Amino acid sequence: MLFHVRMDVKIPRDLPADEVAEILAREKAYSQELQRAGKWRHIWRLAGEYANFSIFDVRDNTELHEILMGLPLFKFMDVQVTPLLRHPSAIRDDDS
């Protein structure tokens, strides 16, 4: 299943810089691992915001939930999830 996920990050300003750096390093490693595995198919930054639009290709809602809950930044995020279905007018075979 494909999911469109918007993630808005709100790290508290009083969080120590070394803790932020450690969380960000874990977040990057985890997200890149998911990208290499084909689970996190696309990620785009939103200009002027600490946010992204992402496309996940996962087995089901449960797998997506587990992946998102595993994000080191998850506790600092507002997340919006939209399931995606192939449009009947789509011409590409690799977008399902």
PDB file of N, CA and C in Angstrom:
ATOM      1  N   MET A   1       0.836  -1.182   0.000  1.00  0.00           N
ATOM      2  CA  MET A   1       0.000   0.000   0.000  1.00  0.00           C
ATOM      3  C   MET A   1       0.880   1.244   0.000  1.00  0.00           C
ATOM      4  N   LEU A   2       0.410   2.239  -0.725  1.00  0.00           N
ATOM      5  CA  LEU A   2       1.113   3.522  -0.736  1.00  0.00           C
ATOM      6  C   LEU A   2       0.414   4.499   0.197  1.00  0.00           C
ATOM      7  N   PHE A   3       1.215   5.282   0.894  1.00  0.00           N
ATOM      8  CA  PHE A   3       0.702   6.306   1.800  1.00  0.00           C
ATOM      9  C   PHE A   3       1.457   7.602   1.569  1.00  0.00           C
ATOM     10  N   HIS A   4       0.716   8.687   1.540  1.00  0.00           N
ATOM     11  CA  HIS A   4       1.301  10.026   1.534  1.00  0.00           C
ATOM     12  C   HIS A   4       1.322  10.474   2.990  1.00  0.00           C
ATOM     13  N   VAL A   5       2.495  10.886   3.458  1.00  0.00           N
ATOM     14  CA  VAL A   5       2.640  11.281   4.864  1.00  0.00           C
ATOM     15  C   VAL A   5       3.277  12.658   4.919  1.00  0.00           C
ATOM     16  N   ARG A   6       2.612  13.560   5.630  1.00  0.00           N
ATOM     17  CA  ARG A   6       3.205  14.866   5.914  1.00  0.00           C
ATOM     18  C   ARG A   6       3.691  14.835   7.354  1.00  0.00           C
ATOM     19  N   MET A   7       4.961  15.233   7.544  1.00  0.00           N
ATOM     20  CA  MET A   7       5.545  15.286   8.882  1.00  0.00           C
ATOM     21  C   MET A   7       6.030  16.699   9.152  1.00  0.00           C
ATOM     22  N   ASP A   8       5.469  17.311  10.174  1.00  0.00           N
ATOM     23  CA  ASP A   8       5.899  18.626  10.637  1.00  0.00           C
ATOM     24  C   ASP A   8       6.670  18.425  11.931  1.00  0.00           C
ATOM     25  N   VAL A   9       7.915  18.888  11.963  1.00  0.00           N
ATOM     26  CA  VAL A   9       8.798  18.665  13.107  1.00  0.00           C
ATOM     27  C   VAL A   9       8.830  19.916  13.980  1.00  0.00           C
ATOM     28  N   LYS A  10       8.681  19.713  15.289  1.00  0.00           N
ATOM     29  CA  LYS A  10       8.706  20.815  16.257  1.00  0.00           C
ATOM     30  C   LYS A  10       9.580  20.415  17.438  1.00  0.00           C
ATOM     31  N   ILE A  11      10.883  20.544  17.255  1.00  0.00           N
ATOM     32  CA  ILE A  11      11.825  20.218  18.328  1.00  0.00           C
ATOM     33  C   ILE A  11      11.807  21.361  19.342  1.00  0.00           C
ATOM     34  N   PRO A  12      11.653  21.052  20.620  1.00  0.00           N
ATOM     35  CA  PRO A  12      11.659  22.109  21.631  1.00  0.00           C
ATOM     36  C   PRO A  12      12.973  22.895  21.612  1.00  0.00           C
ATOM     37  N   ARG A  13      12.866  24.205  21.716  1.00  0.00           N
ATOM     38  CA  ARG A  13      14.049  25.065  21.659  1.00  0.00           C
ATOM     39  C   ARG A  13      14.981  24.860  22.854  1.00  0.00           C
ATOM     40  N   ASP A  14      14.442  24.342  23.959  1.00  0.00           N
ATOM     41  CA  ASP A  14      15.273  24.164  25.148  1.00  0.00           C
ATOM     42  C   ASP A  14      15.919  22.777  25.226  1.00  0.00           C
ATOM     43  N   LEU A  15      15.750  21.955  24.193  1.00  0.00           N
ATOM     44  CA  LEU A  15      16.407  20.654  24.165  1.00  0.00           C
ATOM     45  C   LEU A  15      17.901  20.870  23.932  1.00  0.00           C
ATOM     46  N   PRO A  16      18.759  20.264  24.740  1.00  0.00           N
ATOM     47  CA  PRO A  16      20.198  20.473  24.592  1.00  0.00           C
ATOM     48  C   PRO A  16      20.687  20.124  23.181  1.00  0.00           C
ATOM     49  N   ALA A  17      21.611  20.935  22.681  1.00  0.00           N
ATOM     50  CA  ALA A  17      22.109  20.790  21.309  1.00  0.00           C
ATOM     51  C   ALA A  17      22.706  19.412  21.051  1.00  0.00           C
ATOM     52  N   ASP A  18      23.413  18.851  22.031  1.00  0.00           N
ATOM     53  CA  ASP A  18      24.009  17.525  21.822  1.00  0.00           C
ATOM     54  C   ASP A  18      22.938  16.446  21.711  1.00  0.00           C
ATOM     55  N   GLU A  19      21.858  16.598  22.449  1.00  0.00           N
ATOM     56  CA  GLU A  19      20.741  15.648  22.362  1.00  0.00           C
ATOM     57  C   GLU A  19      20.045  15.763  21.005  1.00  0.00           C
ATOM     58  N   VAL A  20      19.851  16.987  20.533  1.00  0.00           N
ATOM     59  CA  VAL A  20      19.251  17.204  19.211  1.00  0.00           C
ATOM     60  C   VAL A  20      20.120  16.567  18.135  1.00  0.00           C
ATOM     61  N   ALA A  21      21.421  16.778  18.203  1.00  0.00           N
ATOM     62  CA  ALA A  21      22.337  16.221  17.206  1.00  0.00           C
ATOM     63  C   ALA A  21      22.272  14.698  17.187  1.00  0.00           C
ATOM     64  N   GLU A  22      22.204  14.089  18.350  1.00  0.00           N
ATOM     65  CA  GLU A  22      22.137  12.625  18.447  1.00  0.00           C
ATOM     66  C   GLU A  22      20.827  12.105  17.859  1.00  0.00           C
ATOM     67  N   ILE A  23      19.717  12.765  18.156  1.00  0.00           N
ATOM     68  CA  ILE A  23      18.409  12.360  17.621  1.00  0.00           C
ATOM     69  C   ILE A  23      18.405  12.500  16.101  1.00  0.00           C
ATOM     70  N   LEU A  24      18.923  13.614  15.600  1.00  0.00           N
ATOM     71  CA  LEU A  24      18.952  13.841  14.148  1.00  0.00           C
ATOM     72  C   LEU A  24      19.819  12.802  13.434  1.00  0.00           C
ATOM     73  N   ALA A  25      20.926  12.402  14.031  1.00  0.00           N
ATOM     74  CA  ALA A  25      21.784  11.378  13.423  1.00  0.00           C
ATOM     75  C   ALA A  25      21.049  10.038  13.356  1.00  0.00           C
ATOM     76  N   ARG A  26      20.345   9.673  14.435  1.00  0.00           N
ATOM     77  CA  ARG A  26      19.577   8.423  14.428  1.00  0.00           C
ATOM     78  C   ARG A  26      18.434   8.485  13.419  1.00  0.00           C
ATOM     79  N   GLU A  27      17.786   9.643  13.330  1.00  0.00           N
ATOM     80  CA  GLU A  27      16.680   9.840  12.382  1.00  0.00           C
ATOM     81  C   GLU A  27      17.174   9.647  10.944  1.00  0.00           C
ATOM     82  N   LYS A  28      18.304  10.256  10.618  1.00  0.00           N
ATOM     83  CA  LYS A  28      18.853  10.142   9.264  1.00  0.00           C
ATOM     84  C   LYS A  28      19.197   8.690   8.934  1.00  0.00           C
ATOM     85  N   ALA A  29      19.857   7.998   9.845  1.00  0.00           N
ATOM     86  CA  ALA A  29      20.235   6.600   9.608  1.00  0.00           C
ATOM     87  C   ALA A  29      18.999   5.725   9.418  1.00  0.00           C
ATOM     88  N   TYR A  30      17.998   5.909  10.266  1.00  0.00           N
ATOM     89  CA  TYR A  30      16.768   5.112  10.188  1.00  0.00           C
ATOM     90  C   TYR A  30      16.031   5.384   8.887  1.00  0.00           C
ATOM     91  N   SER A  31      15.901   6.653   8.512  1.00  0.00           N
ATOM     92  CA  SER A  31      15.164   6.985   7.290  1.00  0.00           C
ATOM     93  C   SER A  31      15.893   6.479   6.050  1.00  0.00           C
ATOM     94  N   GLN A  32      17.212   6.548   6.050  1.00  0.00           N
ATOM     95  CA  GLN A  32      17.964   6.060   4.891  1.00  0.00           C
ATOM     96  C   GLN A  32      17.909   4.536   4.798  1.00  0.00           C
ATOM     97  N   GLU A  33      17.877   3.862   5.932  1.00  0.00           N
ATOM     98  CA  GLU A  33      17.707   2.402   5.940  1.00  0.00           C
ATOM     99  C   GLU A  33      16.357   2.032   5.315  1.00  0.00           C
ATOM    100  N   LEU A  34      15.302   2.760   5.687  1.00  0.00           N
ATOM    101  CA  LEU A  34      13.970   2.504   5.131  1.00  0.00           C
ATOM    102  C   LEU A  34      13.909   2.824   3.643  1.00  0.00           C
ATOM    103  N   GLN A  35      14.645   3.858   3.217  1.00  0.00           N
ATOM    104  CA  GLN A  35      14.693   4.185   1.794  1.00  0.00           C
ATOM    105  C   GLN A  35      15.393   3.074   1.012  1.00  0.00           C
ATOM    106  N   ARG A  36      16.515   2.597   1.530  1.00  0.00           N
ATOM    107  CA  ARG A  36      17.235   1.518   0.846  1.00  0.00           C
ATOM    108  C   ARG A  36      16.383   0.244   0.765  1.00  0.00           C
ATOM    109  N   ALA A  37      15.541   0.014   1.770  1.00  0.00           N
ATOM    110  CA  ALA A  37      14.679  -1.168   1.800  1.00  0.00           C
ATOM    111  C   ALA A  37      13.451  -1.013   0.899  1.00  0.00           C
ATOM    112  N   GLY A  38      13.234   0.199   0.342  1.00  0.00           N
ATOM    113  CA  GLY A  38      12.089   0.428  -0.532  1.00  0.00           C
ATOM    114  C   GLY A  38      10.805   0.762   0.194  1.00  0.00           C
ATOM    115  N   LYS A  39      10.867   0.896   1.497  1.00  0.00           N
ATOM    116  CA  LYS A  39       9.667   1.227   2.290  1.00  0.00           C
ATOM    117  C   LYS A  39       9.355   2.723   2.214  1.00  0.00           C
ATOM    118  N   TRP A  40      10.388   3.560   2.245  1.00  0.00           N
ATOM    119  CA  TRP A  40      10.243   5.017   2.185  1.00  0.00           C
ATOM    120  C   TRP A  40      10.657   5.406   0.776  1.00  0.00           C
ATOM    121  N   ARG A  41       9.684   5.456  -0.136  1.00  0.00           N
ATOM    122  CA  ARG A  41      10.002   5.608  -1.562  1.00  0.00           C
ATOM    123  C   ARG A  41      10.413   7.007  -1.955  1.00  0.00           C
ATOM    124  N   HIS A  42       9.804   8.016  -1.362  1.00  0.00           N
ATOM    125  CA  HIS A  42      10.112   9.401  -1.720  1.00  0.00           C
ATOM    126  C   HIS A  42      10.058  10.261  -0.469  1.00  0.00           C
ATOM    127  N   ILE A  43      10.909  11.289  -0.445  1.00  0.00           N
ATOM    128  CA  ILE A  43      10.868  12.278   0.628  1.00  0.00           C
ATOM    129  C   ILE A  43      11.225  13.634   0.030  1.00  0.00           C
ATOM    130  N   TRP A  44      10.383  14.627   0.302  1.00  0.00           N
ATOM    131  CA  TRP A  44      10.610  15.988  -0.183  1.00  0.00           C
ATOM    132  C   TRP A  44      10.509  16.956   0.987  1.00  0.00           C
ATOM    133  N   ARG A  45      11.467  17.875   1.082  1.00  0.00           N
ATOM    134  CA  ARG A  45      11.399  18.961   2.060  1.00  0.00           C
ATOM    135  C   ARG A  45      10.395  19.991   1.584  1.00  0.00           C
ATOM    136  N   LEU A  46       9.785  20.668   2.518  1.00  0.00           N
ATOM    137  CA  LEU A  46       8.873  21.762   2.196  1.00  0.00           C
ATOM    138  C   LEU A  46       9.624  23.057   2.449  1.00  0.00           C
ATOM    139  N   ALA A  47       9.774  23.848   1.408  1.00  0.00           N
ATOM    140  CA  ALA A  47      10.558  25.081   1.487  1.00  0.00           C
ATOM    141  C   ALA A  47      10.024  25.993   2.587  1.00  0.00           C
ATOM    142  N   GLY A  48      10.927  26.460   3.425  1.00  0.00           N
ATOM    143  CA  GLY A  48      10.579  27.401   4.477  1.00  0.00           C
ATOM    144  C   GLY A  48       9.930  26.780   5.696  1.00  0.00           C
ATOM    145  N   GLU A  49       9.846  25.462   5.748  1.00  0.00           N
ATOM    146  CA  GLU A  49       9.229  24.770   6.877  1.00  0.00           C
ATOM    147  C   GLU A  49      10.142  23.638   7.335  1.00  0.00           C
ATOM    148  N   TYR A  50      10.023  23.265   8.593  1.00  0.00           N
ATOM    149  CA  TYR A  50      10.709  22.065   9.061  1.00  0.00           C
ATOM    150  C   TYR A  50       9.690  20.950   8.920  1.00  0.00           C
ATOM    151  N   ALA A  51       9.502  20.506   7.665  1.00  0.00           N
ATOM    152  CA  ALA A  51       8.466  19.537   7.336  1.00  0.00           C
ATOM    153  C   ALA A  51       8.843  18.808   6.061  1.00  0.00           C
ATOM    154  N   ASN A  52       8.179  17.674   5.839  1.00  0.00           N
ATOM    155  CA  ASN A  52       8.391  16.948   4.591  1.00  0.00           C
ATOM    156  C   ASN A  52       7.100  16.274   4.151  1.00  0.00           C
ATOM    157  N   PHE A  53       7.044  15.989   2.857  1.00  0.00           N
ATOM    158  CA  PHE A  53       6.049  15.111   2.266  1.00  0.00           C
ATOM    159  C   PHE A  53       6.792  13.843   1.901  1.00  0.00           C
ATOM    160  N   SER A  54       6.245  12.705   2.264  1.00  0.00           N
ATOM    161  CA  SER A  54       6.882  11.430   1.965  1.00  0.00           C
ATOM    162  C   SER A  54       5.870  10.450   1.402  1.00  0.00           C
ATOM    163  N   ILE A  55       6.381   9.500   0.623  1.00  0.00           N
ATOM    164  CA  ILE A  55       5.570   8.395   0.121  1.00  0.00           C
ATOM    165  C   ILE A  55       6.161   7.116   0.682  1.00  0.00           C
ATOM    166  N   PHE A  56       5.329   6.344   1.359  1.00  0.00           N
ATOM    167  CA  PHE A  56       5.727   5.057   1.914  1.00  0.00           C
ATOM    168  C   PHE A  56       5.043   3.944   1.141  1.00  0.00           C
ATOM    169  N   ASP A  57       5.758   2.870   0.911  1.00  0.00           N
ATOM    170  CA  ASP A  57       5.229   1.682   0.243  1.00  0.00           C
ATOM    171  C   ASP A  57       5.382   0.531   1.224  1.00  0.00           C
ATOM    172  N   VAL A  58       4.292   0.238   1.932  1.00  0.00           N
ATOM    173  CA  VAL A  58       4.336  -0.745   3.015  1.00  0.00           C
ATOM    174  C   VAL A  58       3.205  -1.755   2.862  1.00  0.00           C
ATOM    175  N   ARG A  59       3.281  -2.806   3.623  1.00  0.00           N
ATOM    176  CA  ARG A  59       2.307  -3.895   3.578  1.00  0.00           C
ATOM    177  C   ARG A  59       0.894  -3.428   3.944  1.00  0.00           C
ATOM    178  N   ASP A  60       0.800  -2.626   5.022  1.00  0.00           N
ATOM    179  CA  ASP A  60      -0.524  -2.235   5.516  1.00  0.00           C
ATOM    180  C   ASP A  60      -0.393  -1.090   6.528  1.00  0.00           C
ATOM    181  N   ASN A  61      -1.538  -0.691   7.088  1.00  0.00           N
ATOM    182  CA  ASN A  61      -1.575   0.398   8.081  1.00  0.00           C
ATOM    183  C   ASN A  61      -0.681   0.094   9.276  1.00  0.00           C
ATOM    184  N   THR A  62      -0.682  -1.148   9.698  1.00  0.00           N
ATOM    185  CA  THR A  62       0.096  -1.534  10.870  1.00  0.00           C
ATOM    186  C   THR A  62       1.590  -1.337  10.639  1.00  0.00           C
ATOM    187  N   GLU A  63       2.072  -1.748   9.474  1.00  0.00           N
ATOM    188  CA  GLU A  63       3.500  -1.569   9.188  1.00  0.00           C
ATOM    189  C   GLU A  63       3.863  -0.088   9.145  1.00  0.00           C
ATOM    190  N   LEU A  64       3.009   0.728   8.515  1.00  0.00           N
ATOM    191  CA  LEU A  64       3.286   2.165   8.486  1.00  0.00           C
ATOM    192  C   LEU A  64       3.319   2.727   9.904  1.00  0.00           C
ATOM    193  N   HIS A  65       2.360   2.346  10.715  1.00  0.00           N
ATOM    194  CA  HIS A  65       2.308   2.819  12.103  1.00  0.00           C
ATOM    195  C   HIS A  65       3.594   2.463  12.846  1.00  0.00           C
ATOM    196  N   GLU A  66       4.062   1.231  12.688  1.00  0.00           N
ATOM    197  CA  GLU A  66       5.285   0.798  13.367  1.00  0.00           C
ATOM    198  C   GLU A  66       6.497   1.595  12.885  1.00  0.00           C
ATOM    199  N   ILE A  67       6.570   1.840  11.574  1.00  0.00           N
ATOM    200  CA  ILE A  67       7.682   2.618  11.023  1.00  0.00           C
ATOM    201  C   ILE A  67       7.670   4.036  11.587  1.00  0.00           C
ATOM    202  N   LEU A  68       6.514   4.673  11.554  1.00  0.00           N
ATOM    203  CA  LEU A  68       6.420   6.058  12.032  1.00  0.00           C
ATOM    204  C   LEU A  68       6.716   6.151  13.523  1.00  0.00           C
ATOM    205  N   MET A  69       6.209   5.209  14.294  1.00  0.00           N
ATOM    206  CA  MET A  69       6.473   5.216  15.737  1.00  0.00           C
ATOM    207  C   MET A  69       7.954   4.993  16.035  1.00  0.00           C
ATOM    208  N   GLY A  70       8.673   4.358  15.114  1.00  0.00           N
ATOM    209  CA  GLY A  70      10.092   4.105  15.289  1.00  0.00           C
ATOM    210  C   GLY A  70      10.986   5.285  14.956  1.00  0.00           C
ATOM    211  N   LEU A  71      10.418   6.341  14.364  1.00  0.00           N
ATOM    212  CA  LEU A  71      11.216   7.517  14.027  1.00  0.00           C
ATOM    213  C   LEU A  71      11.714   8.195  15.303  1.00  0.00           C
ATOM    214  N   PRO A  72      13.006   8.416  15.425  1.00  0.00           N
ATOM    215  CA  PRO A  72      13.521   9.088  16.617  1.00  0.00           C
ATOM    216  C   PRO A  72      12.891  10.466  16.858  1.00  0.00           C
ATOM    217  N   LEU A  73      12.470  11.148  15.790  1.00  0.00           N
ATOM    218  CA  LEU A  73      11.827  12.464  15.936  1.00  0.00           C
ATOM    219  C   LEU A  73      10.321  12.374  16.150  1.00  0.00           C
ATOM    220  N   PHE A  74       9.762  11.167  16.164  1.00  0.00           N
ATOM    221  CA  PHE A  74       8.309  11.028  16.187  1.00  0.00           C
ATOM    222  C   PHE A  74       7.641  11.835  17.303  1.00  0.00           C
ATOM    223  N   LYS A  75       8.228  11.831  18.488  1.00  0.00           N
ATOM    224  CA  LYS A  75       7.589  12.538  19.611  1.00  0.00           C
ATOM    225  C   LYS A  75       7.568  14.053  19.415  1.00  0.00           C
ATOM    226  N   PHE A  76       8.319  14.536  18.415  1.00  0.00           N
ATOM    227  CA  PHE A  76       8.342  15.966  18.116  1.00  0.00           C
ATOM    228  C   PHE A  76       7.605  16.291  16.815  1.00  0.00           C
ATOM    229  N   MET A  77       6.807  15.362  16.320  1.00  0.00           N
ATOM    230  CA  MET A  77       6.160  15.535  15.015  1.00  0.00           C
ATOM    231  C   MET A  77       4.649  15.606  15.115  1.00  0.00           C
ATOM    232  N   ASP A  78       4.075  16.375  14.187  1.00  0.00           N
ATOM    233  CA  ASP A  78       2.655  16.269  13.855  1.00  0.00           C
ATOM    234  C   ASP A  78       2.638  15.525  12.530  1.00  0.00           C
ATOM    235  N   VAL A  79       1.884  14.430  12.462  1.00  0.00           N
ATOM    236  CA  VAL A  79       1.894  13.563  11.285  1.00  0.00           C
ATOM    237  C   VAL A  79       0.487  13.452  10.716  1.00  0.00           C
ATOM    238  N   GLN A  80       0.387  13.613   9.405  1.00  0.00           N
ATOM    239  CA  GLN A  80      -0.878  13.422   8.695  1.00  0.00           C
ATOM    240  C   GLN A  80      -0.661  12.340   7.650  1.00  0.00           C
ATOM    241  N   VAL A  81      -1.527  11.319   7.660  1.00  0.00           N
ATOM    242  CA  VAL A  81      -1.388  10.173   6.764  1.00  0.00           C
ATOM    243  C   VAL A  81      -2.595  10.096   5.841  1.00  0.00           C
ATOM    244  N   THR A  82      -2.311   9.887   4.547  1.00  0.00           N
ATOM    245  CA  THR A  82      -3.367   9.711   3.549  1.00  0.00           C
ATOM    246  C   THR A  82      -3.058   8.460   2.738  1.00  0.00           C
ATOM    247  N   PRO A  83      -3.943   7.442   2.778  1.00  0.00           N
ATOM    248  CA  PRO A  83      -3.738   6.268   1.919  1.00  0.00           C
ATOM    249  C   PRO A  83      -3.920   6.664   0.454  1.00  0.00           C
ATOM    250  N   LEU A  84      -3.125   6.064  -0.425  1.00  0.00           N
ATOM    251  CA  LEU A  84      -3.191   6.368  -1.852  1.00  0.00           C
ATOM    252  C   LEU A  84      -3.612   5.126  -2.636  1.00  0.00           C
ATOM    253  N   LEU A  85      -4.412   5.353  -3.646  1.00  0.00           N
ATOM    254  CA  LEU A  85      -4.822   4.295  -4.564  1.00  0.00           C
ATOM    255  C   LEU A  85      -4.470   4.713  -5.974  1.00  0.00           C
ATOM    256  N   ARG A  86      -4.149   3.752  -6.793  1.00  0.00           N
ATOM    257  CA  ARG A  86      -3.807   4.026  -8.184  1.00  0.00           C
ATOM    258  C   ARG A  86      -5.013   4.644  -8.888  1.00  0.00           C
ATOM    259  N   HIS A  87      -4.759   5.720  -9.606  1.00  0.00           N
ATOM    260  CA  HIS A  87      -5.810   6.399 -10.363  1.00  0.00           C
ATOM    261  C   HIS A  87      -6.074   5.620 -11.654  1.00  0.00           C
ATOM    262  N   PRO A  88      -7.336   5.447 -12.040  1.00  0.00           N
ATOM    263  CA  PRO A  88      -7.633   4.661 -13.240  1.00  0.00           C
ATOM    264  C   PRO A  88      -7.073   5.264 -14.527  1.00  0.00           C
ATOM    265  N   SER A  89      -6.739   6.545 -14.529  1.00  0.00           N
ATOM    266  CA  SER A  89      -6.175   7.186 -15.730  1.00  0.00           C
ATOM    267  C   SER A  89      -4.649   7.175 -15.745  1.00  0.00           C
ATOM    268  N   ALA A  90      -4.009   6.631 -14.704  1.00  0.00           N
ATOM    269  CA  ALA A  90      -2.548   6.605 -14.650  1.00  0.00           C
ATOM    270  C   ALA A  90      -1.989   5.734 -15.765  1.00  0.00           C
ATOM    271  N   ILE A  91      -0.895   6.194 -16.384  1.00  0.00           N
ATOM    272  CA  ILE A  91      -0.303   5.438 -17.483  1.00  0.00           C
ATOM    273  C   ILE A  91       0.970   4.705 -17.092  1.00  0.00           C
ATOM    274  N   ARG A  92       1.571   5.038 -15.950  1.00  0.00           N
ATOM    275  CA  ARG A  92       2.812   4.381 -15.530  1.00  0.00           C
ATOM    276  C   ARG A  92       2.493   3.104 -14.766  1.00  0.00           C
ATOM    277  N   ASP A  93       3.223   2.046 -15.073  1.00  0.00           N
ATOM    278  CA  ASP A  93       3.011   0.773 -14.397  1.00  0.00           C
ATOM    279  C   ASP A  93       3.742   0.674 -13.066  1.00  0.00           C
ATOM    280  N   ASP A  94       4.699   1.560 -12.830  1.00  0.00           N
ATOM    281  CA  ASP A  94       5.522   1.439 -11.627  1.00  0.00           C
ATOM    282  C   ASP A  94       5.079   2.360 -10.494  1.00  0.00           C
ATOM    283  N   ASP A  95       3.867   2.866 -10.531  1.00  0.00           N
ATOM    284  CA  ASP A  95       3.412   3.785  -9.488  1.00  0.00           C
ATOM    285  C   ASP A  95       2.328   3.181  -8.607  1.00  0.00           C
ATOM    286  N   SER A  96       2.241   1.880  -8.567  1.00  0.00           N
ATOM    287  CA  SER A  96       1.207   1.246  -7.745  1.00  0.00           C
ATOM    288  C   SER A  96       1.705   0.989  -6.348  1.00  0.00           C
TER     289      SER A  96
END
